[in-house]
Amino acid sequence: MSSIDPAKADAAAAAVPGIPRDADGPVFKEPWEAHAFAMALALFDRGCFTWGEWAAALGEEIKRAQAAGDPDTGATYYHHWLATIERLVTEKQIASRAQLDRAHHAWEHAAHRTPHGMPIELRPEDFHR
């Protein structure tokens, strides 16, 4: 994904074991996975956590998911990234759970009204549900 700085992606891949990658760097099966990766890079760049802190929190999230029955085939890897992002931003009071839930519902509303194949755009009315 061209919007991700390759040097920053390489640094993250070196610091966080398990990131799916090829010779060119991290690889993503779906666009949302690249967005989750980019969000973590942006939060790291803003000093919200260190890569060591991220790796520990991600590891805990993966262990929790495995204990709940996740077969750990790699298919859910970036789901764990999203859960870790949510956990860290709420623990560090960057955003509240209510704010995250509001954004999630707004996104679902926007996705529902968007024709298939068109980009999803959030509008102010998406937040008034």
Protein backbone atom coordinates (compact mmCIF):
# COMPACT_ATOMS: atom_id res chain seq x y z
CA MET A 1 0.00 0.00 0.00
CA SER A 2 1.63 3.20 -1.14
CA SER A 3 0.40 5.38 1.76
CA ILE A 4 2.45 3.38 4.26
CA ASP A 5 6.04 4.56 4.60
CA PRO A 6 8.19 1.52 3.68
CA ALA A 7 10.87 2.36 6.26
CA LYS A 8 8.27 2.61 9.03
CA ALA A 9 6.63 -0.61 7.88
CA ASP A 10 10.00 -2.38 7.95
CA ALA A 11 10.71 -1.03 11.44
CA ALA A 12 7.33 -2.29 12.67
CA ALA A 13 7.83 -5.68 11.02
CA ALA A 14 11.23 -6.00 12.69
CA ALA A 15 9.87 -4.99 16.10
CA VAL A 16 6.64 -7.00 16.08
CA PRO A 17 7.11 -10.70 15.34
CA GLY A 18 4.52 -12.44 13.20
CA ILE A 19 3.60 -9.66 10.78
CA PRO A 20 2.76 -11.39 7.49
CA ARG A 21 5.37 -10.25 4.97
CA ASP A 22 7.18 -11.04 1.77
CA ALA A 23 10.47 -9.73 0.35
CA ASP A 24 8.89 -6.29 -0.18
CA GLY A 25 7.52 -5.91 3.34
CA PRO A 26 4.17 -6.47 5.08
CA VAL A 27 1.41 -8.09 3.02
CA PHE A 28 -2.34 -7.71 3.44
CA LYS A 29 -5.22 -9.88 2.19
CA GLU A 30 -7.77 -7.08 2.44
CA PRO A 31 -7.53 -3.27 2.31
CA TRP A 32 -8.84 -2.96 5.88
CA GLU A 33 -5.82 -4.94 7.11
CA ALA A 34 -3.49 -2.32 5.61
CA HIS A 35 -5.58 0.39 7.27
CA ALA A 36 -5.29 -1.35 10.65
CA PHE A 37 -1.54 -1.60 10.15
CA ALA A 38 -1.39 2.10 9.18
CA MET A 39 -3.40 3.08 12.26
CA ALA A 40 -0.93 1.27 14.50
CA LEU A 41 1.97 3.01 12.72
CA ALA A 42 0.30 6.39 13.17
CA LEU A 43 -0.32 5.78 16.88
CA PHE A 44 3.29 4.66 17.33
CA ASP A 45 4.51 7.78 15.48
CA ARG A 46 2.48 9.93 17.89
CA GLY A 47 4.17 8.28 20.86
CA CYS A 48 1.07 6.43 22.06
CA PHE A 49 3.07 3.25 22.67
CA THR A 50 6.42 1.63 22.00
CA TRP A 51 6.76 -1.37 19.71
CA GLY A 52 7.62 -3.46 22.76
CA GLU A 53 4.41 -2.36 24.45
CA TRP A 54 2.47 -3.03 21.23
CA ALA A 55 3.97 -6.52 20.82
CA ALA A 56 3.12 -7.41 24.42
CA ALA A 57 -0.48 -6.15 24.09
CA LEU A 58 -0.91 -7.91 20.74
CA GLY A 59 0.46 -11.13 22.19
CA GLU A 60 -2.01 -10.90 25.08
CA GLU A 61 -4.86 -10.31 22.62
CA ILE A 62 -3.87 -13.32 20.54
CA LYS A 63 -3.65 -15.52 23.65
CA ARG A 64 -7.11 -14.33 24.75
CA ALA A 65 -8.52 -15.16 21.33
CA GLN A 66 -6.90 -18.59 21.33
CA ALA A 67 -8.34 -19.30 24.77
CA ALA A 68 -11.76 -18.34 23.38
CA GLY A 69 -11.37 -20.81 20.49
CA ASP A 70 -9.53 -18.90 17.73
CA PRO A 71 -7.74 -21.64 15.75
CA ASP A 72 -4.78 -19.30 15.10
CA THR A 73 -4.51 -20.07 11.39
CA GLY A 74 -3.36 -16.54 10.61
CA ALA A 75 -6.70 -15.59 9.08
CA THR A 76 -7.63 -13.47 12.11
CA TYR A 77 -4.25 -11.80 12.66
CA TYR A 78 -5.35 -8.27 11.79
CA HIS A 79 -8.58 -8.70 13.76
CA HIS A 80 -6.23 -8.96 16.73
CA TRP A 81 -4.51 -5.75 15.60
CA LEU A 82 -7.85 -3.92 15.67
CA ALA A 83 -8.70 -5.31 19.10
CA THR A 84 -5.25 -4.27 20.36
CA ILE A 85 -5.65 -0.76 18.92
CA GLU A 86 -9.03 -0.43 20.64
CA ARG A 87 -7.63 -1.73 23.92
CA LEU A 88 -4.62 0.58 23.95
CA VAL A 89 -6.48 3.73 22.92
CA THR A 90 -9.07 3.16 25.64
CA GLU A 91 -6.50 2.23 28.30
CA LYS A 92 -4.47 5.33 27.46
CA GLN A 93 -7.63 7.46 27.33
CA ILE A 94 -7.00 8.52 23.73
CA ALA A 95 -10.62 7.60 23.02
CA SER A 96 -13.38 6.17 25.14
CA ARG A 97 -15.19 2.92 24.47
CA ALA A 98 -18.30 5.02 23.78
CA GLN A 99 -16.43 7.05 21.15
CA LEU A 100 -15.17 3.88 19.48
CA ASP A 101 -18.67 2.39 19.51
CA ARG A 102 -20.12 5.59 18.04
CA ALA A 103 -17.57 5.54 15.22
CA HIS A 104 -18.24 1.85 14.59
CA HIS A 105 -21.99 2.42 14.31
CA ALA A 106 -21.44 5.45 12.06
CA TRP A 107 -19.25 3.33 9.78
CA GLU A 108 -21.90 0.59 9.63
CA HIS A 109 -24.53 3.20 8.76
CA ALA A 110 -22.33 4.67 6.03
CA ALA A 111 -21.53 1.22 4.64
CA HIS A 112 -25.23 0.32 4.56
CA ARG A 113 -26.16 3.39 2.49
CA THR A 114 -23.17 3.11 0.13
CA PRO A 115 -23.74 1.30 -3.18
CA HIS A 116 -21.59 -1.81 -3.68
CA GLY A 117 -18.22 -1.00 -5.19
CA MET A 118 -18.27 2.65 -4.16
CA PRO A 119 -15.97 4.10 -1.49
CA ILE A 120 -17.53 4.44 1.94
CA GLU A 121 -17.56 8.02 3.17
CA LEU A 122 -18.58 9.08 6.63
CA ARG A 123 -20.99 12.01 6.80
CA PRO A 124 -22.18 13.94 9.85
CA GLU A 125 -25.59 12.26 9.65
CA ASP A 126 -23.92 8.86 10.07
CA PHE A 127 -23.17 9.83 13.68
CA HIS A 128 -26.78 10.76 14.54
CA ARG A 129 -28.26 7.32 15.01
